[in-house]
Amino acid sequence: MDTILLLCFFLLGLIFGSFFHVVGSRVPQQQPFTNDRSACPNCQRTLSWYELIPVLSYMLQRGQCRHCKKPITFTYPAAELATGVLFTLSYAEVGFRPELITAILLMAMLVILFISDMSFMLIPNSILLFFLPLFIIMRIIQPLDPWWASITGAFVGLAIIALIILVSNGGMGAGDMKLFGVLGIVLGVEKTLLTFFLSCMIGAIIGAVLLLFKIIDHKQPVPFGPYIVLATIVTYFYGESLINWYVNL
C-alpha cells in the first residue's frame, strides 16, 4: 500500500510539475497561464494532449518540437521530475497528517520560484502573496512549538536579509528578503537561520565551481533564489537532525 501511495504522489508531482514550470516561466513576464493552451515556445503551435505527457513526451520527441524541430529546454522534464521526487519525499517524510499539506504547498512554491529566479532572476511578489495566506492557515491548523515560532521566524527571516541588503548596499534582492519572511512562517527561527546558513554555503561552493571552470565571471550577477530553494528543502525535511547533530558535537 505504501509503495502505491508513493507512486501516486510521484505521478501527481509529475503532472503538477509541468504546470509549475508554466507558472514560473510566465508570471515574471506577466503572461496569463490559466486560460491559454500550451504552445511551442519557438513556433507558437498549440500542443496536442499527447505532446504534454510529463517527461514521456519530451523523451519520445527527443527534446524537440514535432513541428518546427527546434530544441525544447530540458527544464520542462527537469521540473516535472523534481516535483515528482519532492512530492514523494513529502509523503515519505511527513506521512498522512495535516503537515503534509504544508509540505506539498512548500515544495510547489519552491519549484515555481526556482524556475522563475533561474530564468529571470526574479522572485515574483504575486507568487509569495499567493502562498503566504495558505501557510498562515496551515500554521494555525498545525502550529509550530511554541506557537509563536512562526511569527518570530518571519521577523528573523526578513530582518537578517534586510540587514545584509543595507550593509552590502544591495548585495541581495528584496525578493530574497520577502522569501525568507514567508519561509520563517513555515520553518520557525532555528530552521530559518539554518536555511540561511546552508544557502550561503551551497552558494559559495557552487559559485566557486562555476568561477573555477569559467562558466561565470566574478562580476556576473547570479540568482540567490535557487540556493535558498535547495537549502530550504534540506532544512524542512532534515533540519531537526542537523540541528541536533550540531548541538551534540
Protein backbone atom coordinates (compact mmCIF):
# COMPACT_ATOMS: atom_id res chain seq x y z
CA MET A 1 0.00 0.00 0.00
CA ASP A 2 2.82 2.39 0.89
CA THR A 3 4.52 1.74 -2.44
CA ILE A 4 1.30 2.51 -4.31
CA LEU A 5 0.87 5.79 -2.39
CA LEU A 6 4.47 6.77 -3.08
CA LEU A 7 3.90 6.10 -6.77
CA CYS A 8 0.68 8.16 -6.69
CA PHE A 9 2.48 11.13 -5.13
CA PHE A 10 5.25 10.80 -7.71
CA LEU A 11 2.77 10.81 -10.61
CA LEU A 12 0.91 13.71 -9.03
CA GLY A 13 4.19 15.60 -8.82
CA LEU A 14 4.95 14.92 -12.49
CA ILE A 15 1.60 16.37 -13.53
CA PHE A 16 1.81 19.43 -11.29
CA GLY A 17 5.48 19.94 -12.14
CA SER A 18 4.54 20.72 -15.73
CA PHE A 19 2.07 23.34 -14.50
CA PHE A 20 4.59 24.81 -12.05
CA HIS A 21 7.07 25.29 -14.89
CA VAL A 22 4.45 27.22 -16.87
CA VAL A 23 3.69 29.41 -13.84
CA GLY A 24 7.37 30.03 -13.07
CA SER A 25 8.16 31.00 -16.66
CA ARG A 26 5.05 33.09 -17.40
CA VAL A 27 4.38 35.06 -14.21
CA PRO A 28 7.69 37.03 -14.37
CA GLN A 29 6.74 38.03 -17.92
CA GLN A 30 3.22 38.94 -16.80
CA GLN A 31 1.74 36.41 -19.21
CA PRO A 32 -1.51 34.54 -18.46
CA PHE A 33 -1.22 30.86 -17.62
CA THR A 34 -4.76 29.84 -16.64
CA ASN A 35 -6.66 30.13 -19.92
CA ASP A 36 -4.12 29.78 -22.73
CA ARG A 37 -3.37 26.30 -24.00
CA SER A 38 0.25 25.18 -24.00
CA ALA A 39 2.18 26.01 -27.15
CA CYS A 40 5.69 25.53 -28.51
CA PRO A 41 7.83 28.45 -27.27
CA ASN A 42 9.53 28.64 -30.68
CA CYS A 43 6.82 28.28 -33.36
CA GLN A 44 3.84 29.01 -31.05
CA ARG A 45 1.91 25.99 -32.37
CA THR A 46 -0.70 24.73 -29.90
CA LEU A 47 0.39 21.38 -28.47
CA SER A 48 -1.77 18.26 -28.59
CA TRP A 49 -2.53 16.23 -25.47
CA TYR A 50 -0.02 13.54 -26.42
CA GLU A 51 2.70 16.19 -26.55
CA LEU A 52 2.01 17.20 -22.96
CA ILE A 53 2.59 13.90 -21.15
CA PRO A 54 5.13 14.74 -18.42
CA VAL A 55 8.69 13.55 -19.20
CA LEU A 56 7.49 10.86 -21.63
CA SER A 57 6.56 13.31 -24.41
CA TYR A 58 9.93 15.04 -24.08
CA MET A 59 11.73 11.71 -24.41
CA LEU A 60 9.64 10.46 -27.35
CA GLN A 61 10.13 13.75 -29.18
CA ARG A 62 13.87 13.65 -28.39
CA GLY A 63 13.72 17.07 -26.77
CA GLN A 64 12.43 18.92 -29.81
CA CYS A 65 9.15 20.27 -31.20
CA ARG A 66 7.40 17.87 -33.58
CA HIS A 67 6.52 20.76 -35.88
CA CYS A 68 9.48 23.15 -36.07
CA LYS A 69 12.11 20.65 -34.86
CA LYS A 70 13.73 23.24 -32.61
CA PRO A 71 15.03 22.13 -29.19
CA ILE A 72 12.75 22.31 -26.15
CA THR A 73 14.53 23.36 -22.98
CA PHE A 74 15.36 20.48 -20.64
CA THR A 75 13.96 22.48 -17.72
CA TYR A 76 10.49 21.14 -18.58
CA PRO A 77 11.19 17.47 -17.75
CA ALA A 78 13.61 18.53 -15.00
CA ALA A 79 10.85 20.50 -13.23
CA GLU A 80 8.42 17.60 -13.65
CA LEU A 81 10.86 15.04 -12.25
CA ALA A 82 11.93 17.32 -9.41
CA THR A 83 8.33 17.93 -8.37
CA GLY A 84 7.59 14.21 -8.55
CA VAL A 85 10.54 13.44 -6.28
CA LEU A 86 9.69 16.26 -3.85
CA PHE A 87 6.02 15.25 -3.56
CA THR A 88 7.11 11.65 -2.95
CA LEU A 89 9.65 12.78 -0.35
CA SER A 90 6.97 14.87 1.35
CA TYR A 91 4.74 11.86 1.88
CA ALA A 92 7.66 9.59 2.83
CA GLU A 93 8.98 12.01 5.47
CA VAL A 94 5.75 13.59 6.78
CA GLY A 95 3.12 10.88 6.31
CA PHE A 96 -0.64 11.37 6.22
CA ARG A 97 -1.20 14.25 8.61
CA PRO A 98 -2.05 17.95 8.24
CA GLU A 99 1.64 18.87 7.90
CA LEU A 100 1.67 17.01 4.57
CA ILE A 101 -0.42 19.83 3.06
CA THR A 102 2.19 22.34 4.24
CA ALA A 103 4.96 20.21 2.74
CA ILE A 104 3.21 19.93 -0.63
CA LEU A 105 2.49 23.67 -0.72
CA LEU A 106 6.09 24.48 0.20
CA MET A 107 7.51 22.18 -2.48
CA ALA A 108 5.15 23.71 -5.05
CA MET A 109 6.26 27.24 -4.20
CA LEU A 110 9.93 26.31 -4.25
CA VAL A 111 9.75 24.69 -7.69
CA ILE A 112 7.95 27.72 -9.15
CA LEU A 113 10.44 30.16 -7.61
CA PHE A 114 13.43 28.08 -8.74
CA ILE A 115 12.23 28.28 -12.35
CA SER A 116 11.42 31.98 -12.06
CA ASP A 117 14.69 33.05 -10.45
CA MET A 118 16.88 30.88 -12.67
CA SER A 119 15.19 32.15 -15.83
CA PHE A 120 14.61 35.81 -14.99
CA MET A 121 16.47 36.49 -11.70
CA LEU A 122 13.11 37.43 -10.21
CA ILE A 123 11.08 36.21 -7.24
CA PRO A 124 7.57 37.46 -8.09
CA ASN A 125 5.57 39.11 -5.31
CA SER A 126 2.39 37.55 -6.69
CA ILE A 127 3.72 34.04 -6.06
CA LEU A 128 4.72 34.85 -2.49
CA LEU A 129 1.41 36.60 -1.82
CA PHE A 130 -0.49 33.56 -3.12
CA PHE A 131 1.25 31.11 -0.79
CA LEU A 132 1.57 33.40 2.25
CA PRO A 133 -2.07 33.13 3.49
CA LEU A 134 -2.06 29.38 2.82
CA PHE A 135 1.00 28.93 5.05
CA ILE A 136 -0.55 31.13 7.74
CA ILE A 137 -3.71 28.98 7.70
CA MET A 138 -1.67 25.78 7.87
CA ARG A 139 0.38 27.09 10.79
CA ILE A 140 -2.88 27.84 12.62
CA ILE A 141 -4.08 24.28 11.94
CA GLN A 142 -0.67 22.71 12.63
CA PRO A 143 1.31 25.24 14.72
CA LEU A 144 4.99 25.02 15.49
CA ASP A 145 6.20 24.50 19.04
CA PRO A 146 5.99 27.10 20.52
CA TRP A 147 3.12 28.57 18.50
CA TRP A 148 4.77 31.99 18.18
CA ALA A 149 7.83 30.47 16.45
CA SER A 150 6.21 31.21 13.07
CA ILE A 151 5.87 34.91 13.92
CA THR A 152 9.43 35.27 15.17
CA GLY A 153 10.69 33.13 12.28
CA ALA A 154 9.11 35.50 9.77
CA PHE A 155 10.57 38.52 11.57
CA VAL A 156 14.06 37.00 11.75
CA GLY A 157 13.89 35.94 8.09
CA LEU A 158 13.01 39.47 6.99
CA ALA A 159 15.45 41.17 9.37
CA ILE A 160 18.56 39.16 8.52
CA ILE A 161 18.24 39.73 4.76
CA ALA A 162 17.26 43.38 5.24
CA LEU A 163 20.44 43.86 7.28
CA ILE A 164 22.54 42.27 4.54
CA ILE A 165 20.92 44.48 1.91
CA LEU A 166 21.73 47.58 3.96
CA VAL A 167 25.28 46.58 4.83
CA SER A 168 26.19 45.36 1.34
CA ASN A 169 24.37 48.19 -0.44
CA GLY A 170 22.09 45.86 -2.37
CA GLY A 171 24.13 42.65 -2.26
CA MET A 172 20.89 40.68 -2.06
CA GLY A 173 17.50 41.42 -3.55
CA ALA A 174 14.24 42.40 -1.90
CA GLY A 175 12.73 39.22 -3.35
CA ASP A 176 15.13 37.13 -1.27
CA MET A 177 14.12 39.11 1.82
CA LYS A 178 10.40 38.55 1.22
CA LEU A 179 11.00 34.87 0.52
CA PHE A 180 12.80 34.43 3.85
CA GLY A 181 9.89 36.17 5.56
CA VAL A 182 7.47 33.60 4.11
CA LEU A 183 9.82 30.72 4.90
CA GLY A 184 10.08 31.91 8.50
CA ILE A 185 6.37 31.24 8.97
CA VAL A 186 6.81 27.65 7.83
CA LEU A 187 10.17 26.88 9.46
CA GLY A 188 10.40 28.93 12.66
CA VAL A 189 13.51 30.74 13.94
CA GLU A 190 16.09 27.95 14.21
CA LYS A 191 15.35 26.38 10.85
CA THR A 192 15.17 29.78 9.16
CA LEU A 193 18.68 30.56 10.42
CA LEU A 194 19.83 27.11 9.32
CA THR A 195 18.32 27.71 5.88
CA PHE A 196 20.21 30.98 5.59
CA PHE A 197 23.49 29.33 6.62
CA LEU A 198 23.03 26.40 4.22
CA SER A 199 22.02 28.66 1.32
CA CYS A 200 25.18 30.73 1.81
CA MET A 201 27.31 27.57 2.00
CA ILE A 202 25.69 26.00 -1.08
CA GLY A 203 26.01 29.30 -2.95
CA ALA A 204 29.68 29.62 -2.05
CA ILE A 205 30.50 26.08 -3.17
CA ILE A 206 28.57 26.23 -6.44
CA GLY A 207 29.81 29.76 -7.13
CA ALA A 208 33.42 28.68 -6.62
CA VAL A 209 32.96 25.76 -9.02
CA LEU A 210 31.35 27.99 -11.67
CA LEU A 211 34.19 30.50 -11.34
CA LEU A 212 36.83 27.77 -11.41
CA PHE A 213 35.51 26.40 -14.72
CA LYS A 214 34.93 29.95 -16.02
CA ILE A 215 31.22 29.35 -16.55
CA ILE A 216 30.66 32.76 -14.95
CA ASP A 217 32.97 35.65 -14.12
CA HIS A 218 33.25 37.42 -10.77
CA LYS A 219 31.25 40.45 -11.98
CA GLN A 220 28.33 38.43 -13.34
CA PRO A 221 25.16 38.61 -11.20
CA VAL A 222 23.93 35.20 -10.06
CA PRO A 223 20.45 34.50 -8.67
CA PHE A 224 20.50 33.52 -4.99
CA GLY A 225 16.96 32.10 -5.00
CA PRO A 226 17.94 28.60 -6.24
CA TYR A 227 20.38 28.25 -3.33
CA ILE A 228 17.63 29.26 -0.91
CA VAL A 229 15.36 26.67 -2.51
CA LEU A 230 17.91 23.85 -2.11
CA ALA A 231 18.70 24.87 1.47
CA THR A 232 15.00 25.06 2.37
CA ILE A 233 14.35 21.53 1.09
CA VAL A 234 17.23 20.14 3.16
CA THR A 235 16.20 22.13 6.24
CA TYR A 236 12.48 21.34 6.07
CA PHE A 237 12.99 17.59 5.88
CA TYR A 238 16.26 17.12 7.79
CA GLY A 239 16.81 20.35 9.73
CA GLU A 240 15.89 18.83 13.08
CA SER A 241 18.50 16.11 12.66
CA LEU A 242 21.14 18.62 11.52
CA ILE A 243 20.46 20.92 14.48
CA ASN A 244 20.56 18.03 16.97
CA TRP A 245 23.80 16.77 15.43
CA TYR A 246 25.38 20.20 15.72
CA VAL A 247 24.20 20.71 19.33
CA ASN A 248 25.56 17.32 20.37
CA LEU A 249 29.04 17.97 18.98
